[in-house]
Amino acid sequence: MNSIIDLITHINDNVNTFVWTTVGVWLLIAVGIVMSVLTGFFQVTRIGHWMKKTIGSIFDSNVKGKTGEKASISQFQALCTALAATVGVGNIAGVAAAIMTGGPGTVFWMWLAAFFGMMTNYSENVLGIYFRRKNKEGEWSGGAMYYLRDGLGGYKGMKGVGRVLAVVFSVCAVLAAFGIGNMGQVNKIVVNFTSAFRIDALSDIVLYTDGSGASVNLYMLITGIVIMLLVGVIVIGGIQRIASVAERIVPFMVAAFVLGSLIIIFKNIAHIGPAFSAIFSSAFTGKAVWGGVTGITLKQVITLGCKRGVFSNEAGLGSSVMVHSNSNVVEPVKQGLWGIFEVFADTMIVCTMTALVILTSGVIDLATGEAVSASDSTLVAEAFGTVFRVGDIEFGKMFIALAILLFAFTTVLGWSHYGTKAVEYLAGNKSKTAVKVFKTIFTLMIISGAVLTSSLAWDISDTFNGMMMIPNLIGVLSMAPLVRKITKNYIDRRIKGKTDVRPMLSFFPETEEEGIRKIKETGAD
């Protein structure tokens, strides 16, 4: 049995290295650069416009209000649901792990990946809206599988290639939904919550211990069951119930985490300068000489930082576009603007807060790299504990446990929708039954996340996550001229005020005509 596990681990390690390190990260940056150039660095040159049309318009009834359509959600709900899936454990434990492994320099490359990732995510959302269509229930369905099949597949001689890549993407999305989007998140919730809010009567009842000595207790099982029931009730309600929950939880959890982080950063304001100095100085060194990461090459630092950026904001994976496509928006570019803001909020704000909390609070010695904790998630808890602590009561640890609970719980909800859309595509005419089966299995698998101790499942899920990225990026790159054309069309009409330009709204003529009528009648965008 051990030999089989060793073989699977070896194969997965090789595939993972190829997908993420050899091809994935570099392809991701390349696509981001191409889309930035083709759109005139829209994320910078039009920053005032996309800020105004996203966070600046959240009180607009067309953006935040009820859609009036049974099977669609508002633009703000689409953002919150996408952020629910992206703002997860990676924003806390992931950033800490990157700094502990590759040094502060990884933060710079995380920022760089996010900068270009804004336009990758923008492009995905533009294509998602442009190629979406309605399913039998009248619900919008969009995602990389559709622009791979109809976009890339529409080129001469590429029909078969587009269809194959669409299937590969969908299969990997389903598998990643069970792993990274479900069991991995639940495992982090259970471990951190049962540790921070320990109940001895339940924690002392050990159910089993694996070969590595890790144990699972009754408290973990009960916590897993509670999470399973909550997720089941929400997921069964479909995208509108998921979006409704996300709309309430996501703004609160992001604001609370940012506020807590700012309190720590301002308390240690004298350390901000040295923290930024460490980030920039170690980002460009051929060999990291920062404490415990001695011997890490510049290539490894770059890869680790970029990979962490992808993990946190999912730009390039093609995942969040599946929920953005459910928006009631008419203009493809309008939802693309929310894609830019999504990456900005996730990485530039939340991940940066985590990094600065770690680097300014003293939990890592900036001179030697020595950390007070060997664990990525507990390192952030230690940082919060330097401020939020009264005697022996560790409010910081409790705060991080609750933050991980909310972050990871909403990630599970978001990924349940991604998996649903992938199953819907794969099942075709039998999608209604297949979706019900998927939702049932997805909910039941939560228990596995609560009691599983092996890391191999997460490693394999990580590989499938990366395998989603490659076909999606191929699709985005192949559709780059179309994204540029749609963007120019939007700028001419919406920013330059040209009235003689026909809107480019959909791949399907009837959907485009309906959109044009809606714009003329209501001024909707």
Protein backbone atom coordinates (compact mmCIF):
# COMPACT_ATOMS: atom_id res chain seq x y z
CA MET A 1 0.00 0.00 0.00
CA ASN A 2 2.79 2.41 0.90
CA SER A 3 4.50 1.74 -2.42
CA ILE A 4 1.32 2.66 -4.29
CA ILE A 5 0.97 5.89 -2.31
CA ASP A 6 4.64 6.67 -2.94
CA LEU A 7 4.12 6.12 -6.68
CA ILE A 8 1.04 8.38 -6.75
CA THR A 9 2.94 11.03 -4.79
CA HIS A 10 5.90 10.84 -7.18
CA ILE A 11 3.69 11.13 -10.27
CA ASN A 12 1.69 13.99 -8.77
CA ASP A 13 4.84 15.87 -7.78
CA ASN A 14 6.17 15.68 -11.33
CA VAL A 15 2.87 16.75 -12.90
CA ASN A 16 2.45 19.53 -10.33
CA THR A 17 5.95 20.85 -11.00
CA PHE A 18 5.31 20.86 -14.76
CA VAL A 19 1.86 22.45 -14.48
CA TRP A 20 2.75 25.15 -11.97
CA THR A 21 6.51 25.78 -12.19
CA THR A 22 7.60 24.80 -15.69
CA VAL A 23 4.60 26.14 -17.62
CA GLY A 24 1.79 27.58 -15.53
CA VAL A 25 3.25 30.56 -13.69
CA TRP A 26 5.18 31.83 -16.71
CA LEU A 27 2.19 31.39 -19.03
CA LEU A 28 0.05 33.20 -16.48
CA ILE A 29 2.36 36.22 -16.37
CA ALA A 30 2.74 36.21 -20.16
CA VAL A 31 -1.03 36.25 -20.72
CA GLY A 32 -1.42 39.04 -18.15
CA ILE A 33 1.23 41.12 -19.91
CA VAL A 34 -0.34 40.51 -23.35
CA MET A 35 -3.82 41.48 -22.16
CA SER A 36 -2.44 44.56 -20.38
CA VAL A 37 -0.65 45.73 -23.53
CA LEU A 38 -3.60 45.03 -25.85
CA THR A 39 -5.99 47.01 -23.62
CA GLY A 40 -3.55 49.89 -23.13
CA PHE A 41 -2.87 48.91 -19.50
CA PHE A 42 -6.53 49.45 -18.72
CA GLN A 43 -5.97 48.66 -15.01
CA VAL A 44 -3.83 51.83 -14.74
CA THR A 45 -5.00 54.18 -17.48
CA ARG A 46 -8.68 53.70 -16.62
CA ILE A 47 -8.31 53.26 -12.85
CA GLY A 48 -10.71 56.11 -12.14
CA HIS A 49 -13.34 54.57 -14.40
CA TRP A 50 -13.23 51.01 -13.04
CA MET A 51 -13.13 52.25 -9.46
CA LYS A 52 -16.18 54.45 -10.11
CA LYS A 53 -18.07 51.63 -11.84
CA THR A 54 -17.31 49.05 -9.13
CA ILE A 55 -16.79 50.08 -5.52
CA GLY A 56 -17.98 53.60 -6.34
CA SER A 57 -21.36 52.34 -7.52
CA ILE A 58 -22.31 49.74 -4.90
CA PHE A 59 -25.26 51.86 -3.76
CA ASP A 60 -26.63 51.98 -7.31
CA SER A 61 -29.81 49.89 -7.48
CA ASN A 62 -28.73 48.45 -10.85
CA VAL A 63 -25.54 47.18 -9.23
CA LYS A 64 -26.58 46.08 -5.76
CA GLY A 65 -30.36 45.80 -5.89
CA LYS A 66 -32.57 42.85 -6.74
CA THR A 67 -32.24 41.77 -10.34
CA GLY A 68 -35.91 41.16 -11.04
CA GLU A 69 -34.84 38.01 -12.85
CA LYS A 70 -35.49 34.66 -11.22
CA ALA A 71 -32.26 33.00 -12.30
CA SER A 72 -29.69 35.81 -12.22
CA ILE A 73 -27.87 37.76 -9.52
CA SER A 74 -26.74 41.38 -9.19
CA GLN A 75 -23.28 42.58 -10.17
CA PHE A 76 -22.38 43.11 -6.51
CA GLN A 77 -23.64 39.63 -5.58
CA ALA A 78 -21.52 38.18 -8.38
CA LEU A 79 -18.46 39.98 -6.98
CA CYS A 80 -19.19 38.82 -3.41
CA THR A 81 -19.69 35.21 -4.52
CA ALA A 82 -16.46 35.32 -6.53
CA LEU A 83 -14.62 36.87 -3.58
CA ALA A 84 -16.21 34.24 -1.34
CA ALA A 85 -14.36 31.60 -3.34
CA THR A 86 -11.09 33.52 -3.72
CA VAL A 87 -10.70 35.11 -0.27
CA GLY A 88 -9.93 31.94 1.65
CA VAL A 89 -7.30 30.18 3.70
CA GLY A 90 -4.67 31.18 1.16
CA ASN A 91 -5.00 34.83 2.15
CA ILE A 92 -3.92 34.00 5.70
CA ALA A 93 -2.01 30.72 5.90
CA GLY A 94 -0.92 30.86 2.24
CA VAL A 95 0.76 34.26 2.48
CA ALA A 96 2.45 33.25 5.75
CA ALA A 97 3.71 30.03 4.18
CA ALA A 98 5.14 31.93 1.19
CA ILE A 99 7.02 34.36 3.44
CA MET A 100 8.30 31.58 5.70
CA THR A 101 9.54 29.57 2.71
CA GLY A 102 10.73 32.21 0.24
CA GLY A 103 11.22 35.32 2.35
CA PRO A 104 9.59 38.77 2.14
CA GLY A 105 10.56 39.03 -1.55
CA THR A 106 7.71 36.68 -2.44
CA VAL A 107 5.28 39.48 -1.55
CA PHE A 108 6.66 41.66 -4.37
CA TRP A 109 6.12 38.91 -6.94
CA MET A 110 2.66 38.29 -5.51
CA TRP A 111 1.89 41.96 -6.20
CA LEU A 112 3.32 41.76 -9.71
CA ALA A 113 1.28 38.65 -10.53
CA ALA A 114 -1.83 40.43 -9.24
CA PHE A 115 -1.08 43.57 -11.27
CA PHE A 116 -1.09 41.63 -14.53
CA GLY A 117 -3.69 39.21 -13.17
CA MET A 118 -6.18 42.08 -13.04
CA MET A 119 -6.32 42.10 -16.83
CA THR A 120 -6.37 38.31 -17.07
CA ASN A 121 -9.39 38.24 -14.77
CA TYR A 122 -10.91 41.15 -16.69
CA SER A 123 -10.51 39.24 -19.95
CA GLU A 124 -12.01 36.06 -18.50
CA ASN A 125 -15.10 37.94 -17.36
CA VAL A 126 -15.50 39.77 -20.66
CA LEU A 127 -15.37 36.45 -22.52
CA GLY A 128 -17.60 34.80 -19.93
CA ILE A 129 -20.40 37.33 -20.48
CA TYR A 130 -19.89 37.42 -24.25
CA PHE A 131 -20.14 33.63 -24.72
CA ARG A 132 -22.67 32.82 -21.99
CA ARG A 133 -26.09 31.32 -22.68
CA LYS A 134 -29.14 30.29 -20.64
CA ASN A 135 -29.72 26.71 -19.50
CA LYS A 136 -33.05 24.87 -19.26
CA GLU A 137 -33.86 26.56 -15.95
CA GLY A 138 -33.35 29.99 -17.49
CA GLU A 139 -30.11 30.52 -15.54
CA TRP A 140 -27.07 32.05 -17.20
CA SER A 141 -24.22 29.60 -17.82
CA GLY A 142 -20.77 30.82 -18.73
CA GLY A 143 -17.15 29.97 -18.16
CA ALA A 144 -13.92 28.92 -19.81
CA MET A 145 -15.53 25.77 -21.22
CA TYR A 146 -17.82 27.89 -23.39
CA TYR A 147 -15.26 30.31 -24.77
CA LEU A 148 -12.95 27.35 -25.37
CA ARG A 149 -15.63 25.47 -27.29
CA ASP A 150 -17.27 28.36 -29.16
CA GLY A 151 -14.38 30.85 -29.23
CA LEU A 152 -11.20 28.87 -29.75
CA GLY A 153 -13.24 26.12 -31.42
CA GLY A 154 -14.61 28.66 -33.87
CA TYR A 155 -11.22 29.12 -35.52
CA LYS A 156 -10.60 27.10 -38.67
CA GLY A 157 -9.42 23.59 -37.85
CA MET A 158 -9.68 24.17 -34.06
CA LYS A 159 -13.17 22.78 -33.38
CA GLY A 160 -11.89 19.50 -31.92
CA VAL A 161 -9.13 21.21 -29.92
CA GLY A 162 -11.59 23.66 -28.39
CA ARG A 163 -14.00 20.90 -27.37
CA VAL A 164 -11.26 18.73 -25.84
CA LEU A 165 -9.80 21.61 -23.83
CA ALA A 166 -13.30 22.54 -22.64
CA VAL A 167 -13.81 19.01 -21.32
CA VAL A 168 -10.35 18.94 -19.68
CA PHE A 169 -11.07 22.25 -17.97
CA SER A 170 -14.47 21.08 -16.72
CA VAL A 171 -13.20 17.74 -15.38
CA CYS A 172 -10.36 19.44 -13.52
CA ALA A 173 -12.78 22.05 -12.16
CA VAL A 174 -14.99 19.33 -10.68
CA LEU A 175 -12.04 17.53 -9.09
CA ALA A 176 -10.56 20.78 -7.76
CA ALA A 177 -13.97 21.67 -6.31
CA PHE A 178 -13.88 18.53 -4.15
CA GLY A 179 -10.28 19.11 -3.04
CA ILE A 180 -9.10 22.72 -2.79
CA GLY A 181 -12.67 24.04 -2.82
CA ASN A 182 -14.08 21.66 -0.23
CA MET A 183 -12.03 19.23 1.85
CA GLY A 184 -8.92 21.41 2.09
CA GLN A 185 -10.91 24.42 3.30
CA VAL A 186 -12.97 22.39 5.77
CA ASN A 187 -9.84 20.78 7.17
CA LYS A 188 -8.36 24.21 7.96
CA ILE A 189 -11.61 25.34 9.57
CA VAL A 190 -11.83 22.30 11.82
CA VAL A 191 -8.17 22.27 12.89
CA ASN A 192 -8.05 25.99 13.72
CA PHE A 193 -11.50 26.25 15.28
CA THR A 194 -11.18 23.21 17.56
CA SER A 195 -7.76 24.43 18.65
CA ALA A 196 -8.80 28.02 19.40
CA PHE A 197 -12.10 27.11 21.05
CA ARG A 198 -11.10 23.88 22.73
CA ILE A 199 -13.70 21.75 24.54
CA ASP A 200 -11.78 19.16 26.53
CA ALA A 201 -14.74 16.80 26.94
CA LEU A 202 -14.94 16.43 23.14
CA SER A 203 -11.28 16.94 22.20
CA ASP A 204 -10.12 14.16 24.55
CA ILE A 205 -12.24 11.55 22.75
CA VAL A 206 -9.84 10.42 20.01
CA LEU A 207 -11.53 8.58 17.14
CA TYR A 208 -8.36 7.42 15.40
CA THR A 209 -4.67 8.21 14.87
CA ASP A 210 -2.89 7.83 11.53
CA GLY A 211 0.62 6.56 10.85
CA SER A 212 2.16 10.03 11.24
CA GLY A 213 0.72 10.43 14.73
CA ALA A 214 -1.96 12.95 13.73
CA SER A 215 -5.26 12.26 15.47
CA VAL A 216 -8.93 13.02 14.84
CA ASN A 217 -11.24 13.59 17.79
CA LEU A 218 -14.98 13.77 18.35
CA TYR A 219 -14.91 17.59 18.42
CA MET A 220 -13.58 17.63 14.84
CA LEU A 221 -16.27 15.24 13.66
CA ILE A 222 -19.09 17.26 15.26
CA THR A 223 -17.71 20.50 13.79
CA GLY A 224 -17.57 18.84 10.36
CA ILE A 225 -21.19 17.68 10.64
CA VAL A 226 -22.37 21.20 11.56
CA ILE A 227 -20.51 22.68 8.57
CA MET A 228 -21.94 19.99 6.30
CA LEU A 229 -25.51 20.80 7.35
CA LEU A 230 -25.02 24.54 6.88
CA VAL A 231 -23.42 24.12 3.47
CA GLY A 232 -26.11 21.65 2.40
CA VAL A 233 -28.95 24.07 3.20
CA ILE A 234 -27.25 26.89 1.27
CA VAL A 235 -26.00 24.89 -1.73
CA ILE A 236 -29.36 23.22 -2.36
CA GLY A 237 -30.86 26.70 -2.74
CA GLY A 238 -28.73 27.33 -5.84
CA ILE A 239 -26.79 30.37 -6.98
CA GLN A 240 -29.26 32.94 -5.63
CA ARG A 241 -29.06 31.56 -2.07
CA ILE A 242 -25.27 31.26 -2.29
CA ALA A 243 -25.04 34.84 -3.57
CA SER A 244 -27.40 36.09 -0.86
CA VAL A 245 -25.24 34.56 1.88
CA ALA A 246 -22.00 35.76 0.26
CA GLU A 247 -23.37 39.29 -0.06
CA ARG A 248 -23.86 39.41 3.71
CA ILE A 249 -20.71 37.63 4.90
CA VAL A 250 -17.95 38.71 2.49
CA PRO A 251 -18.01 42.52 3.04
CA PHE A 252 -18.12 41.98 6.81
CA MET A 253 -15.29 39.44 6.95
CA VAL A 254 -12.99 41.44 4.65
CA ALA A 255 -13.66 44.69 6.55
CA ALA A 256 -13.09 43.02 9.95
CA PHE A 257 -9.82 41.42 8.84
CA VAL A 258 -8.51 44.62 7.26
CA LEU A 259 -9.48 46.66 10.33
CA GLY A 260 -7.76 44.21 12.70
CA SER A 261 -4.69 44.20 10.47
CA LEU A 262 -4.53 48.01 10.33
CA ILE A 263 -4.63 48.21 14.12
CA ILE A 264 -1.58 45.92 14.34
CA ILE A 265 0.26 47.70 11.53
CA PHE A 266 -0.29 51.18 13.03
CA LYS A 267 0.75 49.94 16.45
CA ASN A 268 4.01 48.80 14.84
CA ILE A 269 4.26 51.74 12.44
CA ALA A 270 7.99 52.12 13.13
CA HIS A 271 8.54 48.73 11.47
CA ILE A 272 6.74 49.52 8.21
CA GLY A 273 9.88 50.96 6.59
CA PRO A 274 12.04 47.92 7.40
CA ALA A 275 9.20 45.63 6.25
CA PHE A 276 8.99 47.23 2.79
CA SER A 277 12.77 47.33 2.61
CA ALA A 278 12.88 43.58 3.25
CA ILE A 279 10.22 42.98 0.57
CA PHE A 280 12.05 44.88 -2.16
CA SER A 281 15.62 43.95 -1.24
CA SER A 282 14.96 40.21 -1.16
CA ALA A 283 12.78 40.24 -4.29
CA PHE A 284 15.72 40.70 -6.66
CA THR A 285 18.57 38.82 -5.02
CA GLY A 286 19.93 35.84 -6.93
CA LYS A 287 20.14 33.93 -3.67
CA ALA A 288 17.90 34.68 -0.74
CA VAL A 289 20.15 35.22 2.25
CA TRP A 290 17.25 35.80 4.57
CA GLY A 291 17.51 33.46 7.53
CA GLY A 292 15.92 30.08 7.03
CA VAL A 293 15.51 30.45 3.28
CA THR A 294 19.22 30.49 2.49
CA GLY A 295 19.80 28.76 -0.83
CA ILE A 296 16.41 29.61 -2.35
CA THR A 297 17.11 30.90 -5.85
CA LEU A 298 15.58 33.99 -7.40
CA LYS A 299 13.57 31.78 -9.77
CA GLN A 300 12.08 29.92 -6.80
CA VAL A 301 11.23 33.17 -5.02
CA ILE A 302 9.49 34.49 -8.17
CA THR A 303 7.62 31.24 -8.72
CA LEU A 304 6.50 31.01 -5.11
CA GLY A 305 5.27 34.60 -5.01
CA CYS A 306 3.42 34.38 -8.34
CA LYS A 307 1.93 31.02 -7.40
CA ARG A 308 0.68 32.48 -4.11
CA GLY A 309 -0.93 35.34 -6.01
CA VAL A 310 -2.76 32.89 -8.26
CA PHE A 311 -3.88 30.81 -5.29
CA SER A 312 -5.32 33.85 -3.55
CA ASN A 313 -7.11 35.65 -6.40
CA GLU A 314 -7.59 32.80 -8.93
CA ALA A 315 -6.92 35.13 -11.86
CA GLY A 316 -6.09 32.84 -14.76
CA LEU A 317 -7.75 29.71 -13.37
CA GLY A 318 -11.03 30.46 -15.13
CA SER A 319 -12.99 29.65 -11.99
CA SER A 320 -14.59 32.91 -10.84
CA VAL A 321 -15.86 33.69 -14.34
CA MET A 322 -18.45 30.93 -13.80
CA VAL A 323 -20.20 33.02 -11.17
CA HIS A 324 -19.54 36.41 -12.79
CA SER A 325 -21.43 35.05 -15.81
CA ASN A 326 -24.58 34.78 -13.64
CA SER A 327 -24.67 38.56 -13.28
CA ASN A 328 -27.61 40.55 -14.62
CA VAL A 329 -25.15 42.84 -16.42
CA VAL A 330 -25.57 43.53 -20.13
CA GLU A 331 -22.12 44.90 -21.01
CA PRO A 332 -19.30 42.28 -20.98
CA VAL A 333 -16.76 44.98 -20.08
CA LYS A 334 -18.84 46.09 -17.08
CA GLN A 335 -18.43 42.67 -15.47
CA GLY A 336 -14.79 42.72 -16.52
CA LEU A 337 -14.34 45.82 -14.36
CA TRP A 338 -15.56 43.83 -11.36
CA GLY A 339 -12.93 41.22 -12.25
CA ILE A 340 -10.22 43.88 -11.95
CA PHE A 341 -11.59 44.97 -8.58
CA GLU A 342 -11.82 41.36 -7.39
CA VAL A 343 -8.07 40.82 -7.85
CA PHE A 344 -7.31 44.24 -6.36
CA ALA A 345 -9.38 43.55 -3.23
CA ASP A 346 -8.14 40.00 -2.76
CA THR A 347 -4.40 40.43 -3.27
CA MET A 348 -3.54 44.11 -3.13
CA ILE A 349 -5.62 44.63 0.02
CA VAL A 350 -6.24 41.39 1.96
CA CYS A 351 -2.99 39.57 1.16
CA THR A 352 -0.96 42.75 1.66
CA MET A 353 -2.56 43.23 5.08
CA THR A 354 -1.54 39.69 6.05
CA ALA A 355 2.03 40.24 4.84
CA LEU A 356 2.46 43.55 6.67
CA VAL A 357 0.99 42.12 9.88
CA ILE A 358 3.58 39.33 9.77
CA LEU A 359 6.52 41.58 8.86
CA THR A 360 5.78 44.41 11.31
CA SER A 361 4.59 42.56 14.41
CA GLY A 362 7.88 40.88 15.32
CA VAL A 363 6.70 37.30 14.79
CA ILE A 364 9.50 37.04 12.22
CA ASP A 365 12.93 38.53 12.77
CA LEU A 366 13.61 40.59 9.62
CA ALA A 367 17.37 40.22 10.14
CA THR A 368 17.55 36.45 10.62
CA GLY A 369 14.25 35.14 9.25
CA GLU A 370 13.59 33.25 12.45
CA ALA A 371 9.85 32.78 13.09
CA VAL A 372 8.16 32.33 16.45
CA SER A 373 5.95 29.61 14.97
CA ALA A 374 6.62 26.72 12.61
CA SER A 375 3.05 26.75 11.30
CA ASP A 376 1.79 29.13 8.63
CA SER A 377 -1.70 29.69 10.07
CA THR A 378 -0.56 29.93 13.70
CA LEU A 379 2.08 32.50 12.68
CA VAL A 380 -0.66 34.97 11.74
CA ALA A 381 -2.49 34.11 14.97
CA GLU A 382 0.72 34.87 16.89
CA ALA A 383 0.94 38.23 15.11
CA PHE A 384 -2.61 39.14 16.10
CA GLY A 385 -1.87 37.89 19.60
CA THR A 386 0.80 40.56 20.03
CA VAL A 387 -2.02 43.13 20.23
CA PHE A 388 -5.29 41.30 20.85
CA ARG A 389 -4.52 39.57 24.13
CA VAL A 390 -5.70 39.99 27.71
CA GLY A 391 -3.69 37.97 30.20
CA ASP A 392 -3.92 34.33 29.17
CA ILE A 393 -6.92 34.93 26.89
CA GLU A 394 -5.64 34.84 23.30
CA PHE A 395 -8.19 36.93 21.45
CA GLY A 396 -5.84 37.11 18.45
CA LYS A 397 -5.85 33.35 18.04
CA MET A 398 -9.64 33.31 18.36
CA PHE A 399 -9.99 36.12 15.81
CA ILE A 400 -7.87 34.28 13.23
CA ALA A 401 -9.76 31.03 13.87
CA LEU A 402 -13.04 32.85 13.19
CA ALA A 403 -11.54 34.61 10.15
CA ILE A 404 -10.39 31.29 8.70
CA LEU A 405 -13.82 29.83 9.45
CA LEU A 406 -15.61 32.58 7.50
CA PHE A 407 -13.02 32.78 4.72
CA ALA A 408 -12.93 29.01 4.19
CA PHE A 409 -16.70 28.50 4.63
CA THR A 410 -17.54 31.02 1.91
CA THR A 411 -14.84 29.49 -0.30
CA VAL A 412 -16.67 26.16 -0.06
CA LEU A 413 -19.90 27.87 -1.13
CA GLY A 414 -18.24 29.56 -4.11
CA TRP A 415 -16.55 26.39 -5.30
CA SER A 416 -19.79 24.44 -5.02
CA HIS A 417 -21.14 26.70 -7.76
CA TYR A 418 -18.02 26.29 -9.89
CA GLY A 419 -18.33 22.51 -9.67
CA THR A 420 -22.04 22.73 -10.46
CA LYS A 421 -21.40 24.67 -13.66
CA ALA A 422 -18.64 22.29 -14.74
CA VAL A 423 -20.91 19.28 -14.15
CA GLU A 424 -23.71 21.02 -16.03
CA TYR A 425 -21.45 21.41 -19.05
CA LEU A 426 -20.18 17.82 -18.96
CA ALA A 427 -23.63 16.27 -18.46
CA GLY A 428 -25.34 18.14 -21.29
CA ASN A 429 -28.98 17.05 -21.62
CA LYS A 430 -28.83 15.14 -18.32
CA SER A 431 -27.41 18.10 -16.41
CA LYS A 432 -30.35 18.57 -14.03
CA THR A 433 -29.95 15.10 -12.51
CA ALA A 434 -26.14 15.29 -12.60
CA VAL A 435 -26.14 18.61 -10.76
CA LYS A 436 -28.34 17.19 -7.98
CA VAL A 437 -25.98 14.23 -7.60
CA PHE A 438 -22.94 16.52 -7.54
CA LYS A 439 -24.43 18.79 -4.87
CA THR A 440 -25.24 15.78 -2.69
CA ILE A 441 -21.76 14.27 -3.00
CA PHE A 442 -20.12 17.66 -2.56
CA THR A 443 -21.98 18.23 0.70
CA LEU A 444 -21.25 14.75 2.06
CA MET A 445 -17.52 15.08 1.22
CA ILE A 446 -17.26 17.84 3.82
CA ILE A 447 -17.06 15.16 6.51
CA SER A 448 -13.94 13.78 4.81
CA GLY A 449 -12.30 17.17 5.05
CA ALA A 450 -13.07 17.31 8.76
CA VAL A 451 -11.52 13.93 9.61
CA LEU A 452 -8.85 13.37 6.93
CA THR A 453 -5.23 13.88 8.00
CA SER A 454 -3.31 12.98 4.82
CA SER A 455 -1.89 15.86 2.78
CA LEU A 456 -1.76 13.86 -0.48
CA ALA A 457 -5.39 14.67 -1.28
CA TRP A 458 -4.63 18.41 -1.08
CA ASP A 459 -1.51 18.03 -3.21
CA ILE A 460 -3.47 16.22 -5.92
CA SER A 461 -6.20 18.85 -5.77
CA ASP A 462 -3.53 21.52 -6.17
CA THR A 463 -2.45 19.79 -9.37
CA PHE A 464 -5.98 19.72 -10.77
CA ASN A 465 -6.32 23.39 -9.83
CA GLY A 466 -3.29 24.15 -11.96
CA MET A 467 -4.53 21.93 -14.78
CA MET A 468 -7.61 24.16 -15.02
CA MET A 469 -5.34 27.12 -15.61
CA ILE A 470 -3.54 25.95 -18.75
CA PRO A 471 -6.56 25.35 -21.04
CA ASN A 472 -8.19 28.52 -19.70
CA LEU A 473 -5.14 30.65 -20.47
CA ILE A 474 -4.92 29.12 -23.94
CA GLY A 475 -8.53 30.16 -24.44
CA VAL A 476 -7.94 33.72 -23.17
CA LEU A 477 -4.83 34.14 -25.30
CA SER A 478 -6.57 32.84 -28.43
CA MET A 479 -9.44 35.28 -27.82
CA ALA A 480 -7.14 38.25 -27.08
CA PRO A 481 -8.04 40.10 -30.33
CA LEU A 482 -11.74 39.75 -29.47
CA VAL A 483 -11.21 41.11 -25.93
CA ARG A 484 -9.31 44.06 -27.38
CA LYS A 485 -12.11 44.72 -29.88
CA ILE A 486 -14.85 44.53 -27.21
CA THR A 487 -12.83 46.82 -24.92
CA LYS A 488 -12.31 49.41 -27.67
CA ASN A 489 -16.01 49.22 -28.48
CA TYR A 490 -16.89 49.93 -24.83
CA ILE A 491 -14.39 52.80 -24.52
CA ASP A 492 -15.70 54.42 -27.71
CA ARG A 493 -19.30 54.24 -26.53
CA ARG A 494 -19.15 54.57 -22.75
CA ILE A 495 -16.10 56.75 -22.18
CA LYS A 496 -15.62 58.73 -25.40
CA GLY A 497 -19.38 59.09 -25.93
CA LYS A 498 -19.55 57.99 -29.58
CA THR A 499 -23.16 57.35 -30.58
CA ASP A 500 -22.62 55.75 -33.98
CA VAL A 501 -20.91 52.60 -32.66
CA ARG A 502 -22.96 49.39 -32.38
CA PRO A 503 -22.51 47.62 -29.01
CA MET A 504 -20.67 44.29 -28.86
CA LEU A 505 -22.57 42.37 -26.19
CA SER A 506 -22.85 38.70 -27.10
CA PHE A 507 -21.66 35.90 -29.36
CA PHE A 508 -25.32 35.10 -30.00
CA PRO A 509 -27.18 37.62 -32.23
CA GLU A 510 -30.53 37.23 -30.43
CA THR A 511 -28.91 37.83 -27.03
CA GLU A 512 -27.09 40.88 -28.37
CA GLU A 513 -30.29 42.32 -29.82
CA GLU A 514 -32.05 41.79 -26.48
CA GLY A 515 -29.18 43.56 -24.72
CA ILE A 516 -29.27 46.51 -27.10
CA ARG A 517 -33.04 46.88 -26.55
CA LYS A 518 -32.49 46.80 -22.78
CA ILE A 519 -29.84 49.52 -22.99
CA LYS A 520 -32.11 51.73 -25.12
CA GLU A 521 -35.17 51.22 -22.89
CA THR A 522 -33.60 51.40 -19.43
CA GLY A 523 -30.07 52.71 -19.92
CA ALA A 524 -28.83 49.53 -18.24
CA ASP A 525 -25.23 48.50 -18.70
